[in-house]
Structures are given as C-alpha cells and as structure tokens.
Amino acid sequence: MNKTPLTIAGAEALRAELHRLKTVDRPNVIAAIAEARSHGDLSENAEYDAAKERQGFIEGRIMEVEGKLSHAQIIDPKLLDADGRCVFGATVTLEDMDSGNTVTYQIVGEDEADIKANKISVSSPIARALIGKYAGDIAEVQAPGGVREYEIIEVAYI
C-alpha cells in the first residue's frame, strides 16, 4: 500500500483519537454490553444490540486509524525546502482573479481536510491545480461553476 501524506498536526490528531478509542470508548462499550447482558434475554434486548453495534463501530475505527497511521508519511511543513513551490503542507495565499478576494489555504492530507479551518485536501481540485506552482503564477481550477483562476500571492511553509 502506498504511503499517505499527513502533517504532524494530522498525525497527532489521529493518535489522540486512537488513544481515546482504546482507553475511553472501548471500556465504556464493554461495560454497556455487560450491563445489557445482565438484563436477561438477549434476543429482545435493544440495549445489547445497540452496544454491540457501537462496539463494532469502535473496533472498526480503531483498525482504520491504526492502518492510516501505519501507512502515514508524516511531513513537517517547517522542514520543507521546496524553493517557493506549492507542495504538500504548504500554506498558500490566493487571490481570485474575478472577485479580487484573497484566501489562505494549507494543503493537507485527506483525513485532515477542513474547509472551515482553511485546510484543503491534497487531492482536491484546488490543491491539484496549485501543486508545483510558484508565487506569481496563475492556477486554473476546474470548479462546478466552470474554470476559476487564482493568482498565487504567497507560499509559506509554517
């Protein structure tokens, strides 16, 4: 399986989630199953069914997070030396050529993407259009409403 890029913050968030799943959520659901079992007949016990379903979800998520971490290539944006190119982990300030609005995005891994926090996935149309370009270049992004052009104002590695 290929390595999946993650920033340091993204890897830490996944490790924290894994820790919570193993130390808090898993013991809680085990206790809920034991409590539901004590109520008798399991064939008509909705609490038991719900707890078992929750246990399945938690165990599945633990395996998924462990898999993501084992295949992660953790990249520290501060240590990048990309000579001003847009690369994974870079923080890019763009100006919309039509409206003149500026926006700043960090290019991150798929699991870290959060548009509200101005973090876009490396596989998003905007990030794909930006990768390899320098400050001053124009990036054409194929958006649902048509092609949009952005001028790259600044590329930072923070």
C-alpha atoms as a PDB file:
ATOM      1  CA  MET A   1       0.000   0.000   0.000  1.00  0.00           C
ATOM      2  CA  ASN A   2       1.228   3.487  -0.784  1.00  0.00           C
ATOM      3  CA  LYS A   3       2.298   5.943   1.869  1.00  0.00           C
ATOM      4  CA  THR A   4      -0.335   8.554   2.731  1.00  0.00           C
ATOM      5  CA  PRO A   5       0.929  12.065   3.468  1.00  0.00           C
ATOM      6  CA  LEU A   6      -0.024  13.585   6.825  1.00  0.00           C
ATOM      7  CA  THR A   7       1.114  16.731   8.548  1.00  0.00           C
ATOM      8  CA  ILE A   8       2.442  16.476  12.089  1.00  0.00           C
ATOM      9  CA  ALA A   9      -0.801  18.000  13.426  1.00  0.00           C
ATOM     10  CA  GLY A  10      -2.881  15.483  11.462  1.00  0.00           C
ATOM     11  CA  ALA A  11      -0.846  12.556  12.788  1.00  0.00           C
ATOM     12  CA  GLU A  12      -1.189  13.855  16.352  1.00  0.00           C
ATOM     13  CA  ALA A  13      -4.966  14.183  15.921  1.00  0.00           C
ATOM     14  CA  LEU A  14      -5.188  10.571  14.713  1.00  0.00           C
ATOM     15  CA  ARG A  15      -3.010   9.365  17.614  1.00  0.00           C
ATOM     16  CA  ALA A  16      -5.236  11.245  20.080  1.00  0.00           C
ATOM     17  CA  GLU A  17      -8.353   9.712  18.542  1.00  0.00           C
ATOM     18  CA  LEU A  18      -6.810   6.241  18.713  1.00  0.00           C
ATOM     19  CA  HIS A  19      -5.878   6.755  22.360  1.00  0.00           C
ATOM     20  CA  ARG A  20      -9.432   7.912  23.188  1.00  0.00           C
ATOM     21  CA  LEU A  21     -10.976   4.978  21.336  1.00  0.00           C
ATOM     22  CA  LYS A  22      -8.810   2.452  23.177  1.00  0.00           C
ATOM     23  CA  THR A  23      -8.842   3.960  26.671  1.00  0.00           C
ATOM     24  CA  VAL A  24     -12.297   5.552  26.917  1.00  0.00           C
ATOM     25  CA  ASP A  25     -14.736   4.373  24.256  1.00  0.00           C
ATOM     26  CA  ARG A  26     -13.782   0.673  24.189  1.00  0.00           C
ATOM     27  CA  PRO A  27     -14.045   0.204  28.003  1.00  0.00           C
ATOM     28  CA  ASN A  28     -17.335   2.139  28.066  1.00  0.00           C
ATOM     29  CA  VAL A  29     -18.932  -0.055  25.410  1.00  0.00           C
ATOM     30  CA  ILE A  30     -17.673  -3.220  27.130  1.00  0.00           C
ATOM     31  CA  ALA A  31     -19.336  -2.025  30.328  1.00  0.00           C
ATOM     32  CA  ALA A  32     -22.540  -1.223  28.406  1.00  0.00           C
ATOM     33  CA  ILE A  33     -22.580  -4.746  26.926  1.00  0.00           C
ATOM     34  CA  ALA A  34     -22.090  -6.286  30.369  1.00  0.00           C
ATOM     35  CA  GLU A  35     -24.916  -4.127  31.765  1.00  0.00           C
ATOM     36  CA  ALA A  36     -27.251  -5.085  28.910  1.00  0.00           C
ATOM     37  CA  ARG A  37     -26.396  -8.799  29.368  1.00  0.00           C
ATOM     38  CA  SER A  38     -27.413  -8.589  32.994  1.00  0.00           C
ATOM     39  CA  HIS A  39     -30.950  -7.678  31.897  1.00  0.00           C
ATOM     40  CA  GLY A  40     -31.572 -11.210  30.700  1.00  0.00           C
ATOM     41  CA  ASP A  41     -32.899 -12.393  27.315  1.00  0.00           C
ATOM     42  CA  LEU A  42     -30.503 -11.108  24.618  1.00  0.00           C
ATOM     43  CA  SER A  43     -32.833 -11.897  21.702  1.00  0.00           C
ATOM     44  CA  GLU A  44     -35.132  -8.981  22.513  1.00  0.00           C
ATOM     45  CA  ASN A  45     -32.645  -6.683  24.232  1.00  0.00           C
ATOM     46  CA  ALA A  46     -32.324  -3.400  22.291  1.00  0.00           C
ATOM     47  CA  GLU A  47     -29.662  -2.076  24.670  1.00  0.00           C
ATOM     48  CA  TYR A  48     -27.500  -5.111  23.979  1.00  0.00           C
ATOM     49  CA  ASP A  49     -27.953  -4.793  20.213  1.00  0.00           C
ATOM     50  CA  ALA A  50     -27.095  -1.075  20.328  1.00  0.00           C
ATOM     51  CA  ALA A  51     -23.999  -1.692  22.485  1.00  0.00           C
ATOM     52  CA  LYS A  52     -22.787  -4.494  20.180  1.00  0.00           C
ATOM     53  CA  GLU A  53     -23.300  -2.248  17.152  1.00  0.00           C
ATOM     54  CA  ARG A  54     -21.355   0.541  18.860  1.00  0.00           C
ATOM     55  CA  GLN A  55     -18.601  -1.944  19.724  1.00  0.00           C
ATOM     56  CA  GLY A  56     -18.353  -2.955  16.068  1.00  0.00           C
ATOM     57  CA  PHE A  57     -18.075   0.675  15.023  1.00  0.00           C
ATOM     58  CA  ILE A  58     -15.359   1.398  17.628  1.00  0.00           C
ATOM     59  CA  GLU A  59     -13.310  -1.692  16.723  1.00  0.00           C
ATOM     60  CA  GLY A  60     -13.609  -0.841  13.019  1.00  0.00           C
ATOM     61  CA  ARG A  61     -12.499   2.732  13.630  1.00  0.00           C
ATOM     62  CA  ILE A  62      -9.530   1.537  15.727  1.00  0.00           C
ATOM     63  CA  MET A  63      -8.397  -0.694  12.858  1.00  0.00           C
ATOM     64  CA  GLU A  64      -8.903   2.132  10.341  1.00  0.00           C
ATOM     65  CA  VAL A  65      -6.906   4.680  12.374  1.00  0.00           C
ATOM     66  CA  GLU A  66      -4.123   2.175  13.082  1.00  0.00           C
ATOM     67  CA  GLY A  67      -3.941   1.420   9.356  1.00  0.00           C
ATOM     68  CA  LYS A  68      -3.779   5.105   8.455  1.00  0.00           C
ATOM     69  CA  LEU A  69      -1.008   5.723  10.965  1.00  0.00           C
ATOM     70  CA  SER A  70       0.971   2.689   9.823  1.00  0.00           C
ATOM     71  CA  HIS A  71       0.852   3.897   6.204  1.00  0.00           C
ATOM     72  CA  ALA A  72       1.424   7.557   7.013  1.00  0.00           C
ATOM     73  CA  GLN A  73       4.302   9.579   5.698  1.00  0.00           C
ATOM     74  CA  ILE A  74       4.474  12.373   8.265  1.00  0.00           C
ATOM     75  CA  ILE A  75       5.652  15.647   6.788  1.00  0.00           C
ATOM     76  CA  ASP A  76       6.654  18.720   8.780  1.00  0.00           C
ATOM     77  CA  PRO A  77       5.860  21.804   6.655  1.00  0.00           C
ATOM     78  CA  LYS A  78       8.502  23.826   8.549  1.00  0.00           C
ATOM     79  CA  LEU A  79      11.244  21.499   7.322  1.00  0.00           C
ATOM     80  CA  LEU A  80      10.248  21.660   3.652  1.00  0.00           C
ATOM     81  CA  ASP A  81      12.714  23.158   1.219  1.00  0.00           C
ATOM     82  CA  ALA A  82      10.622  23.460  -1.929  1.00  0.00           C
ATOM     83  CA  ASP A  83      12.138  26.750  -3.175  1.00  0.00           C
ATOM     84  CA  GLY A  84       8.786  28.538  -3.021  1.00  0.00           C
ATOM     85  CA  ARG A  85       6.800  25.853  -4.858  1.00  0.00           C
ATOM     86  CA  CYS A  86       3.328  24.791  -3.748  1.00  0.00           C
ATOM     87  CA  VAL A  87       3.740  21.335  -2.207  1.00  0.00           C
ATOM     88  CA  PHE A  88       2.014  19.193   0.394  1.00  0.00           C
ATOM     89  CA  GLY A  89       1.948  21.022   3.725  1.00  0.00           C
ATOM     90  CA  ALA A  90       2.442  24.473   2.195  1.00  0.00           C
ATOM     91  CA  THR A  91       0.209  27.369   3.212  1.00  0.00           C
ATOM     92  CA  VAL A  92      -0.856  29.240   0.093  1.00  0.00           C
ATOM     93  CA  THR A  93      -2.448  32.694  -0.175  1.00  0.00           C
ATOM     94  CA  LEU A  94      -4.556  33.072  -3.311  1.00  0.00           C
ATOM     95  CA  GLU A  95      -6.370  35.934  -4.991  1.00  0.00           C
ATOM     96  CA  ASP A  96      -9.498  35.156  -7.006  1.00  0.00           C
ATOM     97  CA  MET A  97      -8.897  36.809 -10.390  1.00  0.00           C
ATOM     98  CA  ASP A  98     -12.637  37.535 -10.869  1.00  0.00           C
ATOM     99  CA  SER A  99     -13.646  38.894  -7.469  1.00  0.00           C
ATOM    100  CA  GLY A 100     -10.292  40.055  -6.079  1.00  0.00           C
ATOM    101  CA  ASN A 101     -10.966  38.207  -2.805  1.00  0.00           C
ATOM    102  CA  THR A 102      -7.977  36.634  -1.085  1.00  0.00           C
ATOM    103  CA  VAL A 103      -7.994  33.379   0.821  1.00  0.00           C
ATOM    104  CA  THR A 104      -5.306  31.308   2.533  1.00  0.00           C
ATOM    105  CA  TYR A 105      -5.292  27.506   2.479  1.00  0.00           C
ATOM    106  CA  GLN A 106      -2.973  24.855   3.824  1.00  0.00           C
ATOM    107  CA  ILE A 107      -2.611  21.767   1.633  1.00  0.00           C
ATOM    108  CA  VAL A 108      -3.054  18.738   3.917  1.00  0.00           C
ATOM    109  CA  GLY A 109      -3.899  15.036   3.800  1.00  0.00           C
ATOM    110  CA  GLU A 110      -7.399  13.794   3.049  1.00  0.00           C
ATOM    111  CA  ASP A 111      -8.157  12.975   6.699  1.00  0.00           C
ATOM    112  CA  GLU A 112      -7.095  16.440   7.848  1.00  0.00           C
ATOM    113  CA  ALA A 113      -9.068  18.480   5.325  1.00  0.00           C
ATOM    114  CA  ASP A 114     -11.416  21.010   6.932  1.00  0.00           C
ATOM    115  CA  ILE A 115     -12.559  23.895   4.768  1.00  0.00           C
ATOM    116  CA  LYS A 116     -13.736  25.835   7.838  1.00  0.00           C
ATOM    117  CA  ALA A 117     -10.161  25.751   9.129  1.00  0.00           C
ATOM    118  CA  ASN A 118      -8.830  26.623   5.632  1.00  0.00           C
ATOM    119  CA  LYS A 119      -7.242  23.196   5.202  1.00  0.00           C
ATOM    120  CA  ILE A 120      -7.778  21.608   1.804  1.00  0.00           C
ATOM    121  CA  SER A 121      -7.089  18.037   0.773  1.00  0.00           C
ATOM    122  CA  VAL A 122      -4.071  17.415  -1.409  1.00  0.00           C
ATOM    123  CA  SER A 123      -6.442  15.576  -3.787  1.00  0.00           C
ATOM    124  CA  SER A 124      -8.937  18.464  -4.080  1.00  0.00           C
ATOM    125  CA  PRO A 125      -9.244  20.287  -7.418  1.00  0.00           C
ATOM    126  CA  ILE A 126      -7.757  23.489  -5.964  1.00  0.00           C
ATOM    127  CA  ALA A 127      -4.747  21.717  -4.443  1.00  0.00           C
ATOM    128  CA  ARG A 128      -4.119  19.715  -7.619  1.00  0.00           C
ATOM    129  CA  ALA A 129      -4.103  22.973  -9.602  1.00  0.00           C
ATOM    130  CA  LEU A 130      -1.678  24.590  -7.127  1.00  0.00           C
ATOM    131  CA  ILE A 131       0.894  21.793  -6.717  1.00  0.00           C
ATOM    132  CA  GLY A 132       4.177  22.711  -8.391  1.00  0.00           C
ATOM    133  CA  LYS A 133       3.340  26.370  -8.968  1.00  0.00           C
ATOM    134  CA  TYR A 134       5.155  29.394  -7.526  1.00  0.00           C
ATOM    135  CA  ALA A 135       4.072  32.763  -6.106  1.00  0.00           C
ATOM    136  CA  GLY A 136       3.013  34.962  -9.015  1.00  0.00           C
ATOM    137  CA  ASP A 137       1.710  32.041 -11.082  1.00  0.00           C
ATOM    138  CA  ILE A 138      -1.922  31.713 -12.134  1.00  0.00           C
ATOM    139  CA  ALA A 139      -3.717  28.482 -11.252  1.00  0.00           C
ATOM    140  CA  GLU A 140      -6.768  27.419 -13.234  1.00  0.00           C
ATOM    141  CA  VAL A 141      -9.205  25.395 -11.132  1.00  0.00           C
ATOM    142  CA  GLN A 142     -11.979  23.344 -12.674  1.00  0.00           C
ATOM    143  CA  ALA A 143     -14.877  24.194 -10.344  1.00  0.00           C
ATOM    144  CA  PRO A 144     -18.519  23.055 -10.630  1.00  0.00           C
ATOM    145  CA  GLY A 145     -19.421  26.536 -11.928  1.00  0.00           C
ATOM    146  CA  GLY A 146     -16.668  26.492 -14.551  1.00  0.00           C
ATOM    147  CA  VAL A 147     -12.976  27.346 -14.661  1.00  0.00           C
ATOM    148  CA  ARG A 148     -11.798  29.780 -11.975  1.00  0.00           C
ATOM    149  CA  GLU A 149      -8.447  31.499 -11.980  1.00  0.00           C
ATOM    150  CA  TYR A 150      -6.415  32.244  -8.862  1.00  0.00           C
ATOM    151  CA  GLU A 151      -3.154  34.146  -8.615  1.00  0.00           C
ATOM    152  CA  ILE A 152      -0.768  32.690  -6.076  1.00  0.00           C
ATOM    153  CA  ILE A 153       0.210  35.588  -3.815  1.00  0.00           C
ATOM    154  CA  GLU A 154       2.394  33.777  -1.286  1.00  0.00           C
ATOM    155  CA  VAL A 155       3.647  30.289  -0.493  1.00  0.00           C
ATOM    156  CA  ALA A 156       4.727  29.640   3.101  1.00  0.00           C
ATOM    157  CA  TYR A 157       5.878  26.564   4.989  1.00  0.00           C
ATOM    158  CA  ILE A 158       4.547  27.027   8.536  1.00  0.00           C
END
